Amino acid sequence: MHGSPTKRPTAGARLTNCHQARRRQVPWQLLAWLSQRAIISVMQQYGL
């Protein structure tokens, strides 16, 4: 019983790390997509 609590934080840390990695990847993809859309719109406006 005393050994399980020490093992739980490591598993929790791994889960949090996985969630943080997933959360970091999605915003970057959204920012890249938004930046591409913005560049395309600006190019269309100025006729480049």
Protein backbone atom coordinates (compact mmCIF):
# COMPACT_ATOMS: atom_id res chain seq x y z
CA MET A 1 0.00 0.00 0.00
CA HIS A 2 2.89 2.35 0.76
CA GLY A 3 4.54 1.62 -2.60
CA SER A 4 1.56 2.53 -4.79
CA PRO A 5 1.33 6.25 -3.82
CA THR A 6 4.97 6.76 -4.85
CA LYS A 7 4.26 5.21 -8.25
CA ARG A 8 1.12 7.26 -8.89
CA PRO A 9 2.80 10.70 -9.20
CA THR A 10 5.11 9.37 -11.94
CA ALA A 11 2.15 8.08 -13.97
CA GLY A 12 0.32 11.37 -13.39
CA ALA A 13 3.38 13.33 -14.49
CA ARG A 14 3.57 11.24 -17.65
CA LEU A 15 -0.10 11.87 -18.40
CA THR A 16 0.30 15.62 -17.83
CA ASN A 17 3.37 15.68 -20.07
CA CYS A 18 1.42 13.89 -22.83
CA HIS A 19 -1.48 16.33 -22.50
CA GLN A 20 0.86 19.33 -22.52
CA ALA A 21 2.60 18.03 -25.65
CA ARG A 22 -0.75 17.56 -27.39
CA ARG A 23 -1.96 21.00 -26.32
CA ARG A 24 1.24 22.60 -27.58
CA GLN A 25 1.04 20.97 -31.02
CA VAL A 26 -2.54 21.97 -31.80
CA PRO A 27 -2.18 25.76 -31.21
CA TRP A 28 0.95 25.84 -33.40
CA GLN A 29 -0.96 24.14 -36.22
CA LEU A 30 -3.81 26.63 -35.82
CA LEU A 31 -1.38 29.57 -35.80
CA ALA A 32 0.36 28.24 -38.91
CA TRP A 33 -2.99 27.81 -40.69
CA LEU A 34 -4.18 31.28 -39.65
CA SER A 35 -0.88 32.85 -40.73
CA GLN A 36 -1.11 31.16 -44.13
CA ARG A 37 -4.69 32.35 -44.57
CA ALA A 38 -3.67 35.90 -43.58
CA ILE A 39 -0.74 35.91 -46.02
CA ILE A 40 -2.98 34.63 -48.83
CA SER A 41 -5.62 37.28 -48.11
CA VAL A 42 -3.01 40.07 -48.05
CA MET A 43 -1.47 38.81 -51.30
CA GLN A 44 -4.92 38.76 -52.92
CA GLN A 45 -5.65 42.30 -51.71
CA TYR A 46 -2.39 43.71 -53.10
CA GLY A 47 -2.44 41.50 -56.20
CA LEU A 48 0.98 39.93 -55.52
